[in-house]
Every structure is written in C-alpha cells, then in structure tokens.
Amino acid sequence: MVTRKAQSFCRLCMGHCGVRVSVDEDDRVVSIDADRDDPFTLGYACFKGLQSGAAHNSPDRIVRPLKRQPDGSFEPISIEQALDEIAARLQPVLKHHGPAAIGGYKGGGAFFTSSSLMMLNDWLRALGSPKAFSTVTIDQSAKYVTAGRLGVWPAGRDPFHRGEVFLIVGGNPLVSISTVGFDTRNPAKRL
C-alpha cells in the first residue's frame, strides 16, 4: 500500500527525467511515474526509467557477490571472499602483462553513485592503469560529436525558436527527451 510519494529524478541516463516515486510503509518502491511538474522534462520519462522500481525490487536482482560453480550455477559468497579471490586472479595478470592489462567500466548508474564513481578511478590510478571506460567512451560519444558537428558547441545552444530549418536524425523530440543539442522543451508548440 502506498504511504507517500517522493519527488526525485531518474538516474538511468543524463536526461535526469523528473519522477514521482510511490513508496510503501517499508520505503519499498511501489511505482514510478513521470513528474508533470518537473520544469525540464514536463511529465516525460521513458519506459525503462518508469520500470526501474520493478527492476530494483526484482528477485533476480544481484545484491551480493555470487561465485560460479563448476556446474554453471551461482552460490552467494561474502564480499571479503569475493575481493580476495578477485585480487588473487588479478595478481598474475598485473605481474605478467602490466597495469594496462586491467581496466574498469562504469555504466550509466555509476555516475549517480558517488562511491562507485570515485572508487573505480582511484583503484585504477593506484594500479597505474589508464584503462577507464564508461558509457561515454563506449556508446555515448557519438551524441556529442554529432551535436558539435550540427551546431551545438560549448558556447551555448542556438535558440530553437529562431531556427529556420532543423534536421533531426535518430531522435524524435515530440516523444523523447534530448540530452544534448537544442532546447526542445514543448517542441510540438514550438514546431
């Protein structure tokens, strides 16, 4: 049963869509809805973001270290055991191939979790590894390159309402939020 609604923002991507989170008496997420009062997203949130509460509460969510068994199944182990076993397996890699043979990857959610954001970078620095990867290095950089080549640059955005012609490739501002590029809030009215 819903006991309260909390105003928040989605942490799945850089759109930071405004959401209202319904929680029960145990502070468990019951549902997530787009926040119509959010000044930027104006009631928009993608399906994936709206389903993140179900993912958070899923019985399949991994919340503790698991070790693969010889038969392919997984058994829970302590964090201490997991870290010890990982360290033991990384030592020969580091010894024989050097720090650059070890890399780290952080996905979109890591950018909104201060501990994971800093820890991975510090750990890689301590190893001497330059191999830090993220969603930006893997699949998001094209958004910024495209935006730069199509008129968006660090000095600011060209006002949407002053444009005479717009070519939008790979997006639909009538139904999705824009994280880079032109300010397309309420595009149906402006188009």
Protein backbone atom coordinates (compact mmCIF):
# COMPACT_ATOMS: atom_id res chain seq x y z
CA MET A 1 0.00 0.00 0.00
CA VAL A 2 1.34 3.43 -0.96
CA THR A 3 2.09 5.58 2.08
CA ARG A 4 3.78 8.51 0.39
CA LYS A 5 5.07 9.91 -2.88
CA ALA A 6 8.58 11.31 -3.14
CA GLN A 7 9.82 13.72 -5.77
CA SER A 8 13.04 12.54 -7.40
CA PHE A 9 14.81 12.15 -10.73
CA CYS A 10 15.66 9.14 -12.87
CA ARG A 11 19.29 8.04 -12.70
CA LEU A 12 19.39 5.82 -15.79
CA CYS A 13 20.73 8.41 -18.22
CA MET A 14 21.81 12.01 -18.43
CA GLY A 15 18.25 13.15 -19.15
CA HIS A 16 17.56 13.15 -15.38
CA CYS A 17 13.81 12.98 -16.01
CA GLY A 18 11.70 14.20 -13.12
CA VAL A 19 9.74 11.39 -11.44
CA ARG A 20 7.37 10.80 -8.55
CA VAL A 21 8.19 7.65 -6.61
CA SER A 22 5.40 5.91 -4.70
CA VAL A 23 6.72 4.03 -1.66
CA ASP A 24 5.10 1.76 0.89
CA GLU A 25 5.40 1.70 4.69
CA ASP A 26 8.76 -0.14 4.41
CA ASP A 27 10.14 2.51 2.00
CA ARG A 28 9.93 -0.03 -0.82
CA VAL A 29 9.31 1.41 -4.29
CA VAL A 30 5.78 0.58 -5.42
CA SER A 31 5.69 2.56 -8.66
CA ILE A 32 7.38 5.37 -10.54
CA ASP A 33 5.52 7.99 -12.57
CA ALA A 34 6.70 10.89 -14.68
CA ASP A 35 6.56 14.19 -12.79
CA ARG A 36 4.30 16.57 -14.71
CA ASP A 37 5.53 19.44 -12.52
CA ASP A 38 9.19 18.96 -13.42
CA PRO A 39 10.30 22.19 -15.14
CA PHE A 40 12.56 20.48 -17.66
CA THR A 41 11.02 17.13 -18.54
CA LEU A 42 7.41 18.35 -18.20
CA GLY A 43 5.95 14.92 -17.46
CA TYR A 44 8.12 12.85 -19.78
CA ALA A 45 10.05 9.78 -18.65
CA CYS A 46 10.97 6.79 -20.79
CA PHE A 47 9.54 3.31 -20.28
CA LYS A 48 12.85 1.97 -18.98
CA GLY A 49 13.04 4.65 -16.31
CA LEU A 50 9.45 4.09 -15.25
CA GLN A 51 10.18 0.37 -14.83
CA SER A 52 13.29 0.87 -12.69
CA GLY A 53 11.31 0.32 -9.49
CA ALA A 54 10.33 -3.15 -10.67
CA ALA A 55 13.97 -3.86 -11.56
CA HIS A 56 15.07 -2.63 -8.12
CA ASN A 57 12.62 -4.98 -6.38
CA SER A 58 13.17 -7.95 -8.72
CA PRO A 59 14.01 -11.27 -7.08
CA ASP A 60 16.60 -11.68 -9.88
CA ARG A 61 18.50 -8.53 -8.85
CA ILE A 62 22.05 -9.27 -7.76
CA VAL A 63 22.56 -7.79 -4.28
CA ARG A 64 25.53 -9.87 -3.05
CA PRO A 65 28.64 -11.43 -4.58
CA LEU A 66 27.98 -14.67 -6.44
CA LYS A 67 30.56 -17.28 -7.44
CA ARG A 68 30.07 -19.51 -10.46
CA GLN A 69 30.16 -23.19 -9.55
CA PRO A 70 31.57 -25.98 -11.76
CA ASP A 71 28.03 -26.93 -12.84
CA GLY A 72 27.34 -23.34 -14.01
CA SER A 73 25.15 -22.36 -11.07
CA PHE A 74 25.98 -19.47 -8.72
CA GLU A 75 26.44 -19.52 -4.96
CA PRO A 76 26.49 -16.47 -2.69
CA ILE A 77 29.86 -15.68 -1.07
CA SER A 78 30.98 -12.96 1.31
CA ILE A 79 32.35 -9.68 -0.01
CA GLU A 80 35.66 -10.46 1.71
CA GLN A 81 35.96 -13.81 -0.09
CA ALA A 82 34.99 -12.22 -3.42
CA LEU A 83 37.60 -9.45 -3.10
CA ASP A 84 40.30 -11.93 -2.01
CA GLU A 85 39.60 -14.23 -4.97
CA ILE A 86 39.49 -11.36 -7.47
CA ALA A 87 42.78 -9.98 -6.11
CA ALA A 88 44.40 -13.43 -6.36
CA ARG A 89 43.34 -13.76 -10.01
CA LEU A 90 44.41 -10.22 -10.94
CA GLN A 91 47.91 -10.54 -9.44
CA PRO A 92 49.29 -12.77 -12.25
CA VAL A 93 47.71 -10.52 -14.91
CA LEU A 94 49.34 -7.47 -13.36
CA LYS A 95 52.69 -9.25 -12.96
CA HIS A 96 52.89 -10.69 -16.48
CA HIS A 97 51.11 -8.02 -18.55
CA GLY A 98 51.35 -4.80 -16.57
CA PRO A 99 48.74 -2.31 -15.33
CA ALA A 100 47.37 -1.54 -18.79
CA ALA A 101 46.05 -5.12 -18.99
CA ILE A 102 43.49 -4.27 -16.30
CA GLY A 103 40.63 -1.92 -16.98
CA GLY A 104 37.40 -0.82 -15.42
CA TYR A 105 33.97 0.00 -16.81
CA LYS A 106 31.22 2.02 -15.19
CA GLY A 107 27.74 2.14 -16.62
CA GLY A 108 25.24 4.96 -16.54
CA GLY A 109 24.06 4.34 -13.00
CA ALA A 110 27.59 4.70 -11.61
CA PHE A 111 27.59 8.40 -12.46
CA PHE A 112 24.92 8.98 -9.82
CA THR A 113 26.55 6.89 -7.08
CA SER A 114 29.39 8.90 -5.62
CA SER A 115 31.21 5.95 -4.05
CA SER A 116 31.41 3.83 -7.20
CA LEU A 117 32.22 6.83 -9.36
CA MET A 118 35.30 7.73 -7.32
CA MET A 119 36.41 4.26 -6.21
CA LEU A 120 36.92 2.81 -9.67
CA ASN A 121 39.04 5.76 -10.81
CA ASP A 122 41.11 5.71 -7.62
CA TRP A 123 41.64 1.94 -7.86
CA LEU A 124 42.76 2.16 -11.49
CA ARG A 125 45.09 5.06 -10.61
CA ALA A 126 46.58 3.02 -7.75
CA LEU A 127 47.24 0.15 -10.17
CA GLY A 128 48.72 2.53 -12.73
CA SER A 129 46.14 1.56 -15.34
CA PRO A 130 44.96 4.11 -17.90
CA LYS A 131 42.06 1.86 -18.94
CA ALA A 132 38.94 3.55 -17.57
CA PHE A 133 35.85 3.01 -19.71
CA SER A 134 32.26 4.19 -19.39
CA THR A 135 29.11 4.64 -21.39
CA VAL A 136 30.65 7.85 -22.74
CA THR A 137 33.72 6.04 -24.11
CA ILE A 138 31.72 3.09 -25.45
CA ASP A 139 28.45 4.31 -26.95
CA GLN A 140 27.61 7.88 -25.99
CA SER A 141 30.45 9.83 -27.57
CA ALA A 142 28.68 9.88 -30.93
CA LYS A 143 25.96 12.07 -29.41
CA TYR A 144 28.49 14.75 -28.52
CA VAL A 145 30.39 14.51 -31.80
CA THR A 146 27.12 14.75 -33.74
CA ALA A 147 25.90 17.67 -31.66
CA GLY A 148 29.17 19.52 -32.25
CA ARG A 149 29.05 18.95 -35.98
CA LEU A 150 25.45 20.10 -36.20
CA GLY A 151 25.81 23.43 -34.47
CA VAL A 152 25.94 22.80 -30.74
CA TRP A 153 29.17 23.88 -29.13
CA PRO A 154 30.45 24.82 -25.67
CA ALA A 155 29.50 28.48 -26.11
CA GLY A 156 25.83 27.55 -25.92
CA ARG A 157 22.83 26.36 -27.84
CA ASP A 158 21.24 28.05 -30.78
CA PRO A 159 17.74 29.08 -29.70
CA PHE A 160 15.29 26.54 -31.08
CA HIS A 161 12.61 29.13 -31.85
CA ARG A 162 14.94 31.14 -34.12
CA GLY A 163 15.83 28.26 -36.42
CA GLU A 164 14.51 28.22 -39.97
CA VAL A 165 15.27 24.57 -40.68
CA PHE A 166 16.06 21.64 -38.39
CA LEU A 167 17.21 18.20 -39.46
CA ILE A 168 16.84 15.70 -36.64
CA VAL A 169 18.48 12.33 -37.20
CA GLY A 170 17.92 9.43 -34.83
CA GLY A 171 15.59 11.24 -32.48
CA ASN A 172 12.05 12.47 -32.16
CA PRO A 173 11.70 15.48 -29.85
CA LEU A 174 7.93 15.09 -29.89
CA VAL A 175 8.21 11.90 -27.84
CA SER A 176 11.69 11.75 -26.31
CA ILE A 177 13.90 13.95 -24.22
CA SER A 178 17.06 15.47 -25.63
CA THR A 179 20.19 15.27 -23.50
CA VAL A 180 22.40 17.24 -25.87
CA GLY A 181 21.59 19.63 -28.65
CA PHE A 182 18.79 22.09 -28.86
CA ASP A 183 16.44 23.01 -26.07
CA THR A 184 13.38 21.17 -27.29
CA ARG A 185 11.06 21.53 -24.33
CA ASN A 186 7.48 21.59 -25.56
CA PRO A 187 8.55 21.02 -29.19
CA ALA A 188 5.04 20.43 -30.51
CA LYS A 189 4.11 24.01 -29.60
CA ARG A 190 7.37 25.40 -30.99
CA LEU A 191 7.28 23.40 -34.23
